[in-house]
Amino acid sequence: MLVRVVDVATMAAMARPTRFEHFRYVGDKRTQVVYDMDDDSLDQGIIDALIESEAYTCFGPDTLPEARNRCYRLWRGQQHH
């Protein structure tokens, strides 16, 4: 099941895995890449494929430093931030 999250400021929508609807950073266990779900440049197709694979994870605390601590790296399309 997916939950649609809408950013009112930009009216951008991103489907998130239901169990991770409150998490900003979601990681791909297959590639050790982390995605920032709040980034408007993130392609929905990438997240759809990740959800379909069921190879995703979240981090506690939900921060980029914690993801990096677990050897995940930010997706190249988001490294400009």
Protein backbone atom coordinates (compact mmCIF):
# COMPACT_ATOMS: atom_id res chain seq x y z
CA MET A 1 0.00 0.00 0.00
CA LEU A 2 1.20 3.50 -0.85
CA VAL A 3 0.41 6.80 0.78
CA ARG A 4 0.43 9.95 -1.32
CA VAL A 5 2.26 12.80 0.43
CA VAL A 6 1.69 16.30 -0.92
CA ASP A 7 4.03 19.23 -0.34
CA VAL A 8 1.58 22.13 -0.14
CA ALA A 9 4.25 24.73 -0.92
CA THR A 10 5.08 23.21 -4.32
CA MET A 11 2.05 20.95 -4.77
CA ALA A 12 4.48 18.15 -5.59
CA ALA A 13 3.41 14.62 -4.73
CA MET A 14 5.55 11.59 -3.95
CA ALA A 15 4.22 8.11 -3.26
CA ARG A 16 5.85 6.60 -0.22
CA PRO A 17 5.71 3.09 1.20
CA THR A 18 2.96 3.12 3.84
CA ARG A 19 5.21 1.95 6.64
CA PHE A 20 7.69 4.73 5.83
CA GLU A 21 5.25 7.57 5.19
CA HIS A 22 6.76 9.66 8.00
CA PHE A 23 10.39 9.13 6.98
CA ARG A 24 12.38 11.52 4.83
CA TYR A 25 15.27 9.20 3.96
CA VAL A 26 14.63 5.77 2.44
CA GLY A 27 17.48 3.47 1.51
CA ASP A 28 17.86 0.81 -1.18
CA LYS A 29 19.39 -2.29 0.40
CA ARG A 30 20.57 -3.60 -3.00
CA THR A 31 22.72 -0.60 -3.86
CA GLN A 32 23.33 1.08 -0.48
CA VAL A 33 21.86 4.30 -1.92
CA VAL A 34 19.62 6.61 0.12
CA TYR A 35 16.88 8.78 -1.38
CA ASP A 36 15.59 12.07 0.05
CA MET A 37 11.82 11.69 -0.32
CA ASP A 38 11.33 15.45 0.17
CA ASP A 39 13.42 16.33 -2.90
CA ASP A 40 11.23 17.43 -5.84
CA SER A 41 13.85 16.27 -8.35
CA LEU A 42 13.44 12.62 -7.28
CA ASP A 43 11.83 10.62 -10.10
CA GLN A 44 8.69 8.77 -9.00
CA GLY A 45 9.76 5.83 -11.18
CA ILE A 46 12.80 5.24 -8.98
CA ILE A 47 10.67 5.04 -5.86
CA ASP A 48 8.07 2.85 -7.58
CA ALA A 49 10.80 0.36 -8.56
CA LEU A 50 12.23 0.42 -5.04
CA ILE A 51 8.83 -0.23 -3.51
CA GLU A 52 8.18 -3.08 -5.94
CA SER A 53 11.52 -4.68 -5.05
CA GLU A 54 10.69 -4.57 -1.31
CA ALA A 55 14.39 -3.91 -0.70
CA TYR A 56 13.99 -0.60 1.11
CA THR A 57 14.84 0.50 4.62
CA CYS A 58 14.57 3.56 6.84
CA PHE A 59 16.92 5.06 9.37
CA GLY A 60 16.58 6.04 13.01
CA PRO A 61 17.14 8.87 13.51
CA ASP A 62 15.78 9.89 10.10
CA THR A 63 18.83 11.88 9.02
CA LEU A 64 21.35 11.78 6.19
CA PRO A 65 24.27 11.44 8.67
CA GLU A 66 22.63 8.30 10.10
CA ALA A 67 22.21 6.85 6.60
CA ARG A 68 25.88 7.60 5.90
CA ASN A 69 26.81 6.01 9.21
CA ARG A 70 25.24 2.81 7.86
CA CYS A 71 27.35 3.12 4.67
CA TYR A 72 24.55 4.46 2.47
CA ARG A 73 25.37 7.25 0.05
CA LEU A 74 23.01 9.91 -1.28
CA TRP A 75 21.62 9.21 -4.76
CA ARG A 76 23.71 11.03 -7.37
CA GLY A 77 20.74 13.01 -8.63
CA GLN A 78 20.44 14.59 -5.18
CA GLN A 79 24.10 15.31 -4.44
CA HIS A 80 23.80 18.92 -5.55
CA HIS A 81 22.25 19.81 -2.16
